[in-house]
Amino acid sequence: MCGSALSGDAAALYRKLICRSAERCLCLRCLAAKLGLSEKTLYDLIDRYRRMGCTLFSEPEEEDAAPEKF
């Protein structure tokens, strides 16, 4: 873990892909490295899950709130 601030959507994606009950999550940069994917691919997944109605992800205007620290 790099210790950087974690957005709600980054935590949601970690929980969606890795472990639904995770209390500690990776930032998008670290998660991308762990999965061997680009950060853009992860952002695309966030958008896709949001459009599908997954309730783990915030609405776009809610994401502007202060990021969580894990």
PDB file of N, CA and C in Angstrom:
ATOM      1  N   MET A   1       0.832  -1.181   0.000  1.00  0.00           N
ATOM      2  CA  MET A   1       0.000   0.000   0.000  1.00  0.00           C
ATOM      3  C   MET A   1       0.872   1.237   0.000  1.00  0.00           C
ATOM      4  N   CYS A   2       0.471   2.192  -0.819  1.00  0.00           N
ATOM      5  CA  CYS A   2       1.287   3.392  -0.955  1.00  0.00           C
ATOM      6  C   CYS A   2       0.908   4.480   0.047  1.00  0.00           C
ATOM      7  N   GLY A   3      -0.278   4.380   0.651  1.00  0.00           N
ATOM      8  CA  GLY A   3      -0.695   5.370   1.630  1.00  0.00           C
ATOM      9  C   GLY A   3      -1.347   6.600   1.046  1.00  0.00           C
ATOM     10  N   SER A   4      -1.586   6.623  -0.265  1.00  0.00           N
ATOM     11  CA  SER A   4      -2.220   7.788  -0.868  1.00  0.00           C
ATOM     12  C   SER A   4      -3.706   7.822  -0.530  1.00  0.00           C
ATOM     13  N   ALA A   5      -4.300   9.006  -0.665  1.00  0.00           N
ATOM     14  CA  ALA A   5      -5.730   9.158  -0.413  1.00  0.00           C
ATOM     15  C   ALA A   5      -6.508   8.267  -1.374  1.00  0.00           C
ATOM     16  N   LEU A   6      -7.581   7.704  -0.896  1.00  0.00           N
ATOM     17  CA  LEU A   6      -8.344   6.734  -1.665  1.00  0.00           C
ATOM     18  C   LEU A   6      -9.742   7.274  -1.907  1.00  0.00           C
ATOM     19  N   SER A   7     -10.148   7.352  -3.166  1.00  0.00           N
ATOM     20  CA  SER A   7     -11.502   7.803  -3.476  1.00  0.00           C
ATOM     21  C   SER A   7     -12.495   6.706  -3.129  1.00  0.00           C
ATOM     22  N   GLY A   8     -13.735   7.091  -2.960  1.00  0.00           N
ATOM     23  CA  GLY A   8     -14.781   6.114  -2.685  1.00  0.00           C
ATOM     24  C   GLY A   8     -14.918   5.100  -3.805  1.00  0.00           C
ATOM     25  N   ASP A   9     -14.769   5.564  -5.048  1.00  0.00           N
ATOM     26  CA  ASP A   9     -14.887   4.651  -6.183  1.00  0.00           C
ATOM     27  C   ASP A   9     -13.709   3.689  -6.261  1.00  0.00           C
ATOM     28  N   ALA A  10     -12.526   4.123  -5.858  1.00  0.00           N
ATOM     29  CA  ALA A  10     -11.370   3.217  -5.842  1.00  0.00           C
ATOM     30  C   ALA A  10     -11.594   2.113  -4.814  1.00  0.00           C
ATOM     31  N   ALA A  11     -12.103   2.482  -3.646  1.00  0.00           N
ATOM     32  CA  ALA A  11     -12.413   1.484  -2.620  1.00  0.00           C
ATOM     33  C   ALA A  11     -13.514   0.549  -3.105  1.00  0.00           C
ATOM     34  N   ALA A  12     -14.519   1.104  -3.775  1.00  0.00           N
ATOM     35  CA  ALA A  12     -15.621   0.286  -4.294  1.00  0.00           C
ATOM     36  C   ALA A  12     -15.122  -0.704  -5.339  1.00  0.00           C
ATOM     37  N   LEU A  13     -14.234  -0.259  -6.219  1.00  0.00           N
ATOM     38  CA  LEU A  13     -13.715  -1.157  -7.248  1.00  0.00           C
ATOM     39  C   LEU A  13     -12.886  -2.273  -6.616  1.00  0.00           C
ATOM     40  N   TYR A  14     -12.076  -1.926  -5.628  1.00  0.00           N
ATOM     41  CA  TYR A  14     -11.301  -2.955  -4.928  1.00  0.00           C
ATOM     42  C   TYR A  14     -12.242  -3.994  -4.321  1.00  0.00           C
ATOM     43  N   ARG A  15     -13.283  -3.514  -3.667  1.00  0.00           N
ATOM     44  CA  ARG A  15     -14.238  -4.437  -3.042  1.00  0.00           C
ATOM     45  C   ARG A  15     -14.995  -5.262  -4.082  1.00  0.00           C
ATOM     46  N   LYS A  16     -15.287  -4.675  -5.224  1.00  0.00           N
ATOM     47  CA  LYS A  16     -16.000  -5.395  -6.288  1.00  0.00           C
ATOM     48  C   LYS A  16     -15.118  -6.487  -6.896  1.00  0.00           C
ATOM     49  N   LEU A  17     -13.844  -6.171  -7.128  1.00  0.00           N
ATOM     50  CA  LEU A  17     -12.960  -7.099  -7.831  1.00  0.00           C
ATOM     51  C   LEU A  17     -12.196  -8.054  -6.917  1.00  0.00           C
ATOM     52  N   ILE A  18     -11.864  -7.627  -5.709  1.00  0.00           N
ATOM     53  CA  ILE A  18     -10.956  -8.398  -4.857  1.00  0.00           C
ATOM     54  C   ILE A  18     -11.672  -9.031  -3.667  1.00  0.00           C
ATOM     55  N   CYS A  19     -12.281  -8.214  -2.825  1.00  0.00           N
ATOM     56  CA  CYS A  19     -12.906  -8.754  -1.607  1.00  0.00           C
ATOM     57  C   CYS A  19     -13.995  -7.795  -1.130  1.00  0.00           C
ATOM     58  N   ARG A  20     -15.226  -8.238  -1.185  1.00  0.00           N
ATOM     59  CA  ARG A  20     -16.360  -7.376  -0.841  1.00  0.00           C
ATOM     60  C   ARG A  20     -16.265  -6.836   0.583  1.00  0.00           C
ATOM     61  N   SER A  21     -15.695  -7.575   1.494  1.00  0.00           N
ATOM     62  CA  SER A  21     -15.650  -7.158   2.897  1.00  0.00           C
ATOM     63  C   SER A  21     -14.322  -6.505   3.295  1.00  0.00           C
ATOM     64  N   ALA A  22     -13.509  -6.128   2.326  1.00  0.00           N
ATOM     65  CA  ALA A  22     -12.193  -5.544   2.627  1.00  0.00           C
ATOM     66  C   ALA A  22     -12.335  -4.252   3.429  1.00  0.00           C
ATOM     67  N   GLU A  23     -11.505  -4.121   4.445  1.00  0.00           N
ATOM     68  CA  GLU A  23     -11.446  -2.886   5.223  1.00  0.00           C
ATOM     69  C   GLU A  23     -10.267  -2.028   4.777  1.00  0.00           C
ATOM     70  N   ARG A  24      -9.251  -2.649   4.204  1.00  0.00           N
ATOM     71  CA  ARG A  24      -8.092  -1.931   3.667  1.00  0.00           C
ATOM     72  C   ARG A  24      -8.064  -2.185   2.171  1.00  0.00           C
ATOM     73  N   CYS A  25      -7.936  -1.118   1.407  1.00  0.00           N
ATOM     74  CA  CYS A  25      -8.004  -1.215  -0.051  1.00  0.00           C
ATOM     75  C   CYS A  25      -6.787  -0.565  -0.690  1.00  0.00           C
ATOM     76  N   LEU A  26      -6.528  -0.903  -1.938  1.00  0.00           N
ATOM     77  CA  LEU A  26      -5.452  -0.292  -2.710  1.00  0.00           C
ATOM     78  C   LEU A  26      -5.991   0.882  -3.515  1.00  0.00           C
ATOM     79  N   CYS A  27      -5.153   1.894  -3.719  1.00  0.00           N
ATOM     80  CA  CYS A  27      -5.525   2.988  -4.609  1.00  0.00           C
ATOM     81  C   CYS A  27      -5.567   2.448  -6.039  1.00  0.00           C
ATOM     82  N   LEU A  28      -6.107   3.231  -6.964  1.00  0.00           N
ATOM     83  CA  LEU A  28      -6.226   2.758  -8.343  1.00  0.00           C
ATOM     84  C   LEU A  28      -4.870   2.442  -8.960  1.00  0.00           C
ATOM     85  N   ARG A  29      -3.855   3.236  -8.662  1.00  0.00           N
ATOM     86  CA  ARG A  29      -2.527   2.987  -9.226  1.00  0.00           C
ATOM     87  C   ARG A  29      -1.979   1.640  -8.751  1.00  0.00           C
ATOM     88  N   CYS A  30      -2.082   1.375  -7.451  1.00  0.00           N
ATOM     89  CA  CYS A  30      -1.579   0.107  -6.903  1.00  0.00           C
ATOM     90  C   CYS A  30      -2.431  -1.073  -7.355  1.00  0.00           C
ATOM     91  N   LEU A  31      -3.748  -0.883  -7.443  1.00  0.00           N
ATOM     92  CA  LEU A  31      -4.629  -1.952  -7.904  1.00  0.00           C
ATOM     93  C   LEU A  31      -4.340  -2.285  -9.364  1.00  0.00           C
ATOM     94  N   ALA A  32      -4.117  -1.254 -10.181  1.00  0.00           N
ATOM     95  CA  ALA A  32      -3.779  -1.485 -11.588  1.00  0.00           C
ATOM     96  C   ALA A  32      -2.491  -2.295 -11.699  1.00  0.00           C
ATOM     97  N   ALA A  33      -1.496  -1.948 -10.902  1.00  0.00           N
ATOM     98  CA  ALA A  33      -0.228  -2.686 -10.929  1.00  0.00           C
ATOM     99  C   ALA A  33      -0.428  -4.131 -10.481  1.00  0.00           C
ATOM    100  N   LYS A  34      -1.217  -4.334  -9.434  1.00  0.00           N
ATOM    101  CA  LYS A  34      -1.472  -5.682  -8.914  1.00  0.00           C
ATOM    102  C   LYS A  34      -2.168  -6.551  -9.959  1.00  0.00           C
ATOM    103  N   LEU A  35      -3.105  -5.956 -10.712  1.00  0.00           N
ATOM    104  CA  LEU A  35      -3.889  -6.713 -11.686  1.00  0.00           C
ATOM    105  C   LEU A  35      -3.263  -6.738 -13.081  1.00  0.00           C
ATOM    106  N   GLY A  36      -2.209  -5.937 -13.286  1.00  0.00           N
ATOM    107  CA  GLY A  36      -1.581  -5.869 -14.601  1.00  0.00           C
ATOM    108  C   GLY A  36      -2.444  -5.146 -15.621  1.00  0.00           C
ATOM    109  N   LEU A  37      -3.205  -4.159 -15.153  1.00  0.00           N
ATOM    110  CA  LEU A  37      -4.091  -3.375 -16.011  1.00  0.00           C
ATOM    111  C   LEU A  37      -3.681  -1.909 -15.960  1.00  0.00           C
ATOM    112  N   SER A  38      -4.174  -1.128 -16.896  1.00  0.00           N
ATOM    113  CA  SER A  38      -3.919   0.308 -16.861  1.00  0.00           C
ATOM    114  C   SER A  38      -4.943   0.986 -15.947  1.00  0.00           C
ATOM    115  N   GLU A  39      -4.591   2.163 -15.453  1.00  0.00           N
ATOM    116  CA  GLU A  39      -5.544   2.926 -14.649  1.00  0.00           C
ATOM    117  C   GLU A  39      -6.769   3.284 -15.476  1.00  0.00           C
ATOM    118  N   LYS A  40      -6.574   3.564 -16.761  1.00  0.00           N
ATOM    119  CA  LYS A  40      -7.706   3.883 -17.639  1.00  0.00           C
ATOM    120  C   LYS A  40      -8.688   2.722 -17.687  1.00  0.00           C
ATOM    121  N   THR A  41      -8.178   1.505 -17.757  1.00  0.00           N
ATOM    122  CA  THR A  41      -9.054   0.330 -17.760  1.00  0.00           C
ATOM    123  C   THR A  41      -9.873   0.274 -16.475  1.00  0.00           C
ATOM    124  N   LEU A  42      -9.250   0.601 -15.355  1.00  0.00           N
ATOM    125  CA  LEU A  42      -9.977   0.591 -14.087  1.00  0.00           C
ATOM    126  C   LEU A  42     -11.040   1.683 -14.050  1.00  0.00           C
ATOM    127  N   TYR A  43     -10.719   2.876 -14.565  1.00  0.00           N
ATOM    128  CA  TYR A  43     -11.721   3.939 -14.640  1.00  0.00           C
ATOM    129  C   TYR A  43     -12.877   3.517 -15.546  1.00  0.00           C
ATOM    130  N   ASP A  44     -12.564   2.830 -16.640  1.00  0.00           N
ATOM    131  CA  ASP A  44     -13.610   2.325 -17.535  1.00  0.00           C
ATOM    132  C   ASP A  44     -14.497   1.314 -16.817  1.00  0.00           C
ATOM    133  N   LEU A  45     -13.891   0.454 -15.988  1.00  0.00           N
ATOM    134  CA  LEU A  45     -14.678  -0.507 -15.209  1.00  0.00           C
ATOM    135  C   LEU A  45     -15.592   0.201 -14.211  1.00  0.00           C
ATOM    136  N   ILE A  46     -15.072   1.236 -13.570  1.00  0.00           N
ATOM    137  CA  ILE A  46     -15.891   2.013 -12.637  1.00  0.00           C
ATOM    138  C   ILE A  46     -17.099   2.578 -13.369  1.00  0.00           C
ATOM    139  N   ASP A  47     -16.874   3.191 -14.528  1.00  0.00           N
ATOM    140  CA  ASP A  47     -17.980   3.751 -15.310  1.00  0.00           C
ATOM    141  C   ASP A  47     -18.971   2.669 -15.717  1.00  0.00           C
ATOM    142  N   ARG A  48     -18.453   1.526 -16.129  1.00  0.00           N
ATOM    143  CA  ARG A  48     -19.320   0.425 -16.552  1.00  0.00           C
ATOM    144  C   ARG A  48     -20.191  -0.070 -15.398  1.00  0.00           C
ATOM    145  N   TYR A  49     -19.575  -0.325 -14.243  1.00  0.00           N
ATOM    146  CA  TYR A  49     -20.349  -0.796 -13.096  1.00  0.00           C
ATOM    147  C   TYR A  49     -21.359   0.254 -12.642  1.00  0.00           C
ATOM    148  N   ARG A  50     -20.980   1.527 -12.690  1.00  0.00           N
ATOM    149  CA  ARG A  50     -21.894   2.606 -12.309  1.00  0.00           C
ATOM    150  C   ARG A  50     -23.107   2.621 -13.248  1.00  0.00           C
ATOM    151  N   ARG A  51     -22.857   2.515 -14.561  1.00  0.00           N
ATOM    152  CA  ARG A  51     -23.962   2.503 -15.539  1.00  0.00           C
ATOM    153  C   ARG A  51     -24.862   1.286 -15.349  1.00  0.00           C
ATOM    154  N   MET A  52     -24.274   0.183 -14.889  1.00  0.00           N
ATOM    155  CA  MET A  52     -25.056  -1.032 -14.646  1.00  0.00           C
ATOM    156  C   MET A  52     -25.900  -0.915 -13.371  1.00  0.00           C
ATOM    157  N   GLY A  53     -25.653   0.127 -12.596  1.00  0.00           N
ATOM    158  CA  GLY A  53     -26.439   0.354 -11.390  1.00  0.00           C
ATOM    159  C   GLY A  53     -25.853  -0.238 -10.124  1.00  0.00           C
ATOM    160  N   CYS A  54     -24.587  -0.631 -10.159  1.00  0.00           N
ATOM    161  CA  CYS A  54     -23.950  -1.185  -8.961  1.00  0.00           C
ATOM    162  C   CYS A  54     -23.930  -0.118  -7.868  1.00  0.00           C
ATOM    163  N   THR A  55     -24.500  -0.442  -6.732  1.00  0.00           N
ATOM    164  CA  THR A  55     -24.638   0.535  -5.654  1.00  0.00           C
ATOM    165  C   THR A  55     -23.359   0.757  -4.848  1.00  0.00           C
ATOM    166  N   LEU A  56     -22.304   0.015  -5.141  1.00  0.00           N
ATOM    167  CA  LEU A  56     -21.022   0.267  -4.475  1.00  0.00           C
ATOM    168  C   LEU A  56     -20.418   1.597  -4.921  1.00  0.00           C
ATOM    169  N   PHE A  57     -20.785   2.045  -6.122  1.00  0.00           N
ATOM    170  CA  PHE A  57     -20.163   3.222  -6.722  1.00  0.00           C
ATOM    171  C   PHE A  57     -21.035   4.451  -6.541  1.00  0.00           C
ATOM    172  N   SER A  58     -20.372   5.584  -6.283  1.00  0.00           N
ATOM    173  CA  SER A  58     -21.077   6.837  -6.067  1.00  0.00           C
ATOM    174  C   SER A  58     -21.592   7.397  -7.386  1.00  0.00           C
ATOM    175  N   GLU A  59     -22.539   8.302  -7.262  1.00  0.00           N
ATOM    176  CA  GLU A  59     -22.965   9.068  -8.428  1.00  0.00           C
ATOM    177  C   GLU A  59     -21.817  10.016  -8.775  1.00  0.00           C
ATOM    178  N   PRO A  60     -21.667  10.398 -10.044  1.00  0.00           N
ATOM    179  CA  PRO A  60     -20.524  11.238 -10.451  1.00  0.00           C
ATOM    180  C   PRO A  60     -20.343  12.502  -9.618  1.00  0.00           C
ATOM    181  N   GLU A  61     -21.417  13.210  -9.262  1.00  0.00           N
ATOM    182  CA  GLU A  61     -21.266  14.441  -8.490  1.00  0.00           C
ATOM    183  C   GLU A  61     -20.878  14.166  -7.044  1.00  0.00           C
ATOM    184  N   GLU A  62     -21.198  12.988  -6.505  1.00  0.00           N
ATOM    185  CA  GLU A  62     -20.816  12.642  -5.143  1.00  0.00           C
ATOM    186  C   GLU A  62     -19.323  12.362  -5.028  1.00  0.00           C
ATOM    187  N   GLU A  63     -18.678  11.975  -6.111  1.00  0.00           N
ATOM    188  CA  GLU A  63     -17.263  11.608  -6.091  1.00  0.00           C
ATOM    189  C   GLU A  63     -16.372  12.809  -5.789  1.00  0.00           C
ATOM    190  N   ASP A  64     -16.905  14.039  -5.900  1.00  0.00           N
ATOM    191  CA  ASP A  64     -16.116  15.231  -5.625  1.00  0.00           C
ATOM    192  C   ASP A  64     -15.864  15.427  -4.132  1.00  0.00           C
ATOM    193  N   ALA A  65     -16.522  14.644  -3.294  1.00  0.00           N
ATOM    194  CA  ALA A  65     -16.332  14.751  -1.845  1.00  0.00           C
ATOM    195  C   ALA A  65     -14.905  14.347  -1.475  1.00  0.00           C
ATOM    196  N   ALA A  66     -14.517  14.683  -0.268  1.00  0.00           N
ATOM    197  CA  ALA A  66     -13.156  14.378   0.198  1.00  0.00           C
ATOM    198  C   ALA A  66     -12.879  12.877   0.123  1.00  0.00           C
ATOM    199  N   PRO A  67     -11.705  12.499  -0.356  1.00  0.00           N
ATOM    200  CA  PRO A  67     -11.366  11.073  -0.455  1.00  0.00           C
ATOM    201  C   PRO A  67     -11.153  10.442   0.916  1.00  0.00           C
ATOM    202  N   GLU A  68     -11.385   9.136   0.973  1.00  0.00           N
ATOM    203  CA  GLU A  68     -11.137   8.378   2.200  1.00  0.00           C
ATOM    204  C   GLU A  68      -9.641   8.111   2.320  1.00  0.00           C
ATOM    205  N   LYS A  69      -9.181   7.914   3.526  1.00  0.00           N
ATOM    206  CA  LYS A  69      -7.775   7.565   3.750  1.00  0.00           C
ATOM    207  C   LYS A  69      -7.716   6.162   4.320  1.00  0.00           C
ATOM    208  N   PHE A  70      -7.033   5.240   3.634  1.00  0.00           N
ATOM    209  CA  PHE A  70      -6.894   3.855   4.104  1.00  0.00           C
ATOM    210  C   PHE A  70      -5.454   3.557   4.351  1.00  0.00           C
TER     211      PHE A  70
END
